[in-house]
């Protein structure tokens, strides 16, 4: 019995240390001195949904090595792919609607301040993406960019987000990706994780589904790639 208690205590301490290390990681990365905020975004008219009620939330996590490999528009090459080496980064914290239409672009917004951009680049390493996430999602539930990113940081810091180590062929199953999250986070379930891949079957994101109190919940829109499917996972450099 004593050995079990000791083992449990050690495991809990290890998780706490891991969580503390990740919290520090959100504040510790190389931020180039010439960073500038992105311009305000002009939202597409068909994506403006200001009157959709919020039914749930979702924390979207990018697999940064794939973002860099594919050179997707959301990845800032200098910050994300040259000055730093990230695993999962925060794509965004999204209010979701009760159906397929979600709250988006709820009010206009000027460019985010340089101070706010720099404060969040280690979480979301792209000035353009920070501006987009605030305008597309944050304006629908938070009064300021600072309040929105503070909440995104708080939600992210409560997760023990794993690194991923694909096999020699650069592959994992979707189930192994989910399990990497589950073994590190009490309260998460497989039903609350949506594993996303692109058309080449490469891992792009993991969505962590949350209820209205920001607690883990089953994903309302499905779980993406099924557990048995083998997917390609770009190796972190």
Protein backbone atom coordinates (compact mmCIF):
# COMPACT_ATOMS: atom_id res chain seq x y z
CA UNK A 1 0.00 0.00 0.00
CA UNK A 2 2.80 2.39 0.96
CA UNK A 3 4.61 1.75 -2.31
CA UNK A 4 1.40 2.52 -4.22
CA UNK A 5 0.97 5.80 -2.34
CA UNK A 6 4.57 6.75 -3.04
CA UNK A 7 4.19 5.86 -6.72
CA UNK A 8 1.03 7.95 -6.98
CA UNK A 9 2.73 10.89 -5.27
CA UNK A 10 5.70 10.67 -7.62
CA UNK A 11 3.45 10.49 -10.66
CA UNK A 12 1.48 13.52 -9.47
CA UNK A 13 4.69 15.45 -8.84
CA UNK A 14 5.98 14.54 -12.29
CA UNK A 15 2.79 15.81 -13.91
CA UNK A 16 2.97 19.03 -11.89
CA UNK A 17 6.58 19.59 -12.94
CA UNK A 18 5.68 18.90 -16.55
CA UNK A 19 2.84 21.37 -16.34
CA UNK A 20 5.10 24.00 -14.79
CA UNK A 21 7.70 23.43 -17.52
CA UNK A 22 5.06 23.88 -20.20
CA UNK A 23 3.79 27.05 -18.58
CA UNK A 24 7.35 28.36 -18.68
CA UNK A 25 7.62 27.35 -22.35
CA UNK A 26 4.71 29.66 -23.17
CA UNK A 27 6.89 32.56 -22.04
CA UNK A 28 10.33 31.39 -23.18
CA UNK A 29 11.18 31.43 -26.86
CA UNK A 30 13.25 33.54 -29.23
CA UNK A 31 11.24 36.60 -30.29
CA UNK A 32 12.91 38.59 -33.10
CA UNK A 33 13.37 42.29 -32.26
CA UNK A 34 11.75 43.43 -35.52
CA UNK A 35 8.32 41.86 -34.88
CA UNK A 36 5.42 44.04 -36.05
CA UNK A 37 1.68 43.53 -35.54
CA UNK A 38 -0.36 42.29 -38.47
CA UNK A 39 -2.87 44.65 -40.09
CA UNK A 40 -6.52 44.46 -39.20
CA UNK A 41 -8.34 41.77 -41.15
CA UNK A 42 -11.24 42.39 -43.51
CA UNK A 43 -13.55 39.43 -42.85
CA UNK A 44 -15.24 37.63 -45.75
CA UNK A 45 -18.92 38.59 -45.73
CA UNK A 46 -20.07 34.97 -45.71
CA UNK A 47 -18.06 34.23 -42.54
CA UNK A 48 -19.56 36.93 -40.33
CA UNK A 49 -21.88 35.26 -37.80
CA UNK A 50 -22.62 37.65 -34.96
CA UNK A 51 -25.84 36.15 -33.59
CA UNK A 52 -24.92 32.48 -33.09
CA UNK A 53 -25.14 31.37 -29.43
CA UNK A 54 -22.10 29.73 -27.86
CA UNK A 55 -22.69 26.06 -27.05
CA UNK A 56 -19.11 24.88 -26.39
CA UNK A 57 -15.45 25.78 -26.82
CA UNK A 58 -12.51 24.20 -28.59
CA UNK A 59 -8.75 24.63 -28.15
CA UNK A 60 -7.09 23.99 -31.50
CA UNK A 61 -3.44 22.92 -31.34
CA UNK A 62 -1.22 23.09 -34.44
CA UNK A 63 1.50 20.48 -34.94
CA UNK A 64 4.18 23.07 -35.68
CA UNK A 65 6.68 20.82 -37.53
CA UNK A 66 4.03 20.15 -40.19
CA UNK A 67 3.17 23.84 -40.40
CA UNK A 68 6.83 24.55 -41.15
CA UNK A 69 7.25 21.65 -43.57
CA UNK A 70 4.24 22.71 -45.61
CA UNK A 71 4.97 26.44 -45.24
CA UNK A 72 1.30 27.11 -44.55
CA UNK A 73 0.21 30.77 -44.46
CA UNK A 74 -0.46 30.66 -40.71
CA UNK A 75 3.16 29.81 -39.89
CA UNK A 76 5.57 32.71 -39.53
CA UNK A 77 8.71 31.19 -41.02
CA UNK A 78 11.22 33.39 -39.19
CA UNK A 79 9.67 32.99 -35.74
CA UNK A 80 8.19 29.52 -35.87
CA UNK A 81 10.51 27.66 -38.20
CA UNK A 82 13.92 29.33 -37.94
CA UNK A 83 14.30 31.07 -34.58
CA UNK A 84 12.49 28.32 -32.64
CA UNK A 85 11.53 24.65 -32.65
CA UNK A 86 7.99 24.05 -31.42
CA UNK A 87 5.86 20.96 -30.98
CA UNK A 88 2.18 21.81 -30.55
CA UNK A 89 1.33 25.51 -30.66
CA UNK A 90 -2.01 27.15 -30.03
CA UNK A 91 -3.95 27.77 -33.21
CA UNK A 92 -6.81 29.33 -31.28
CA UNK A 93 -9.53 29.13 -28.66
CA UNK A 94 -12.83 28.92 -30.51
CA UNK A 95 -16.38 29.52 -29.31
CA UNK A 96 -18.55 26.96 -31.09
CA UNK A 97 -22.23 27.16 -31.93
CA UNK A 98 -24.89 24.50 -31.35
CA UNK A 99 -24.73 23.33 -34.97
CA UNK A 100 -22.41 23.70 -37.96
CA UNK A 101 -22.36 27.50 -37.90
CA UNK A 102 -20.14 29.07 -35.25
CA UNK A 103 -19.76 32.62 -33.93
CA UNK A 104 -17.23 34.49 -36.08
CA UNK A 105 -16.09 38.07 -36.66
CA UNK A 106 -18.50 39.48 -34.11
CA UNK A 107 -17.08 43.02 -34.18
CA UNK A 108 -14.42 45.02 -36.02
CA UNK A 109 -11.03 45.41 -34.42
CA UNK A 110 -7.91 47.51 -35.01
CA UNK A 111 -4.51 45.81 -35.07
CA UNK A 112 -3.41 44.18 -31.82
CA UNK A 113 -0.78 46.19 -29.93
CA UNK A 114 2.87 45.26 -30.29
CA UNK A 115 3.03 44.53 -26.55
CA UNK A 116 0.19 42.01 -26.83
CA UNK A 117 1.68 40.39 -29.93
CA UNK A 118 5.06 39.90 -28.24
CA UNK A 119 3.43 38.59 -25.05
CA UNK A 120 1.74 35.77 -26.99
CA UNK A 121 4.23 34.80 -29.70
CA UNK A 122 5.58 31.85 -27.69
CA UNK A 123 2.04 30.43 -27.56
CA UNK A 124 0.94 31.33 -31.09
CA UNK A 125 4.10 32.15 -33.08
CA UNK A 126 2.61 34.29 -35.83
CA UNK A 127 1.52 37.94 -35.65
CA UNK A 128 -0.88 37.32 -38.52
CA UNK A 129 -2.50 34.35 -36.78
CA UNK A 130 -2.82 36.24 -33.49
CA UNK A 131 -4.69 39.03 -35.28
CA UNK A 132 -6.88 36.55 -37.15
CA UNK A 133 -7.78 34.51 -34.07
CA UNK A 134 -8.74 37.59 -32.09
CA UNK A 135 -10.92 38.97 -34.88
CA UNK A 136 -12.47 35.69 -36.04
CA UNK A 137 -13.07 34.11 -32.63
CA UNK A 138 -12.07 36.28 -29.68
CA UNK A 139 -14.36 39.18 -30.54
CA UNK A 140 -17.35 36.89 -30.07
CA UNK A 141 -16.84 36.35 -26.33
CA UNK A 142 -14.13 38.64 -24.90
CA UNK A 143 -13.95 42.42 -24.54
CA UNK A 144 -10.27 42.83 -25.49
CA UNK A 145 -7.46 40.91 -27.22
CA UNK A 146 -5.64 40.77 -23.89
CA UNK A 147 -8.60 39.08 -22.18
CA UNK A 148 -8.96 36.60 -25.04
CA UNK A 149 -5.31 35.55 -25.11
CA UNK A 150 -5.18 35.43 -21.33
CA UNK A 151 -7.98 32.86 -21.40
CA UNK A 152 -6.35 30.90 -24.22
CA UNK A 153 -3.12 30.81 -22.22
CA UNK A 154 -4.95 29.67 -19.08
CA UNK A 155 -6.70 26.84 -20.92
CA UNK A 156 -3.47 25.77 -22.61
CA UNK A 157 -1.46 25.88 -19.39
CA UNK A 158 -3.84 23.41 -17.72
CA UNK A 159 -3.03 20.81 -20.36
CA UNK A 160 0.06 18.64 -20.25
CA UNK A 161 0.55 18.78 -24.01
CA UNK A 162 2.76 15.94 -25.25
CA UNK A 163 5.55 15.97 -27.75
CA UNK A 164 5.19 13.33 -30.45
CA UNK A 165 7.79 10.81 -31.53
CA UNK A 166 6.88 9.02 -34.76
CA UNK A 167 8.46 5.70 -35.67
CA UNK A 168 11.34 5.23 -38.11
CA UNK A 169 8.91 5.59 -41.01
CA UNK A 170 7.62 8.90 -39.67
CA UNK A 171 4.24 7.47 -38.76
CA UNK A 172 1.93 6.95 -35.80
CA UNK A 173 -1.65 5.81 -35.54
CA UNK A 174 -4.27 8.40 -34.70
CA UNK A 175 -4.92 6.34 -31.58
CA UNK A 176 -1.29 6.77 -30.49
CA UNK A 177 -1.63 10.52 -30.89
CA UNK A 178 -4.76 10.49 -28.73
CA UNK A 179 -3.13 8.23 -26.17
CA UNK A 180 -0.20 10.62 -25.85
CA UNK A 181 -2.69 13.22 -24.61
CA UNK A 182 -4.73 10.83 -22.49
CA UNK A 183 -1.81 9.44 -20.50
CA UNK A 184 -0.78 12.95 -19.48
CA UNK A 185 -4.16 14.50 -18.72
CA UNK A 186 -6.68 13.24 -16.23
CA UNK A 187 -10.20 14.07 -17.30
CA UNK A 188 -9.56 13.97 -21.04
CA UNK A 189 -11.29 11.23 -23.02
CA UNK A 190 -10.75 9.91 -26.52
CA UNK A 191 -14.18 11.33 -27.42
CA UNK A 192 -12.92 14.79 -26.49
CA UNK A 193 -9.99 14.78 -28.93
CA UNK A 194 -10.31 15.44 -32.65
CA UNK A 195 -7.23 14.34 -34.61
CA UNK A 196 -6.95 16.32 -37.86
CA UNK A 197 -4.97 15.37 -40.97
CA UNK A 198 -4.56 16.99 -44.37
CA UNK A 199 -5.20 15.48 -47.81
CA UNK A 200 -1.79 13.75 -47.66
CA UNK A 201 -2.75 12.07 -44.38
CA UNK A 202 -0.30 14.18 -42.43
CA UNK A 203 -1.10 15.28 -38.89
CA UNK A 204 -1.96 18.97 -38.82
CA UNK A 205 -3.84 19.57 -35.55
CA UNK A 206 -5.42 18.12 -32.44
CA UNK A 207 -8.60 19.79 -31.23
CA UNK A 208 -9.33 19.60 -27.51
CA UNK A 209 -13.08 19.93 -26.96
CA UNK A 210 -14.45 21.83 -23.97
CA UNK A 211 -17.81 22.62 -22.41
CA UNK A 212 -19.12 26.06 -21.47
CA UNK A 213 -17.03 26.00 -18.29
CA UNK A 214 -13.88 25.14 -20.26
CA UNK A 215 -13.87 21.59 -18.90
CA UNK A 216 -13.09 18.60 -21.15
CA UNK A 217 -16.12 17.41 -23.11
CA UNK A 218 -16.98 15.11 -25.99
CA UNK A 219 -16.45 16.76 -29.37
CA UNK A 220 -19.72 17.85 -30.92
CA UNK A 221 -18.54 17.61 -34.51
CA UNK A 222 -16.85 14.20 -34.46
CA UNK A 223 -13.35 13.01 -33.65
CA UNK A 224 -11.57 13.23 -36.98
CA UNK A 225 -9.25 10.39 -37.90
CA UNK A 226 -10.19 7.00 -36.35
CA UNK A 227 -7.73 5.36 -33.93
CA UNK A 228 -6.54 2.50 -36.19
CA UNK A 229 -5.55 4.76 -39.08
CA UNK A 230 -1.80 5.22 -39.64
CA UNK A 231 -0.90 8.85 -40.24
CA UNK A 232 2.28 10.69 -41.16
CA UNK A 233 3.79 12.85 -38.42
CA UNK A 234 6.48 15.35 -39.36
CA UNK A 235 9.45 14.96 -37.05
CA UNK A 236 10.27 17.86 -34.77
CA UNK A 237 13.73 19.18 -35.55
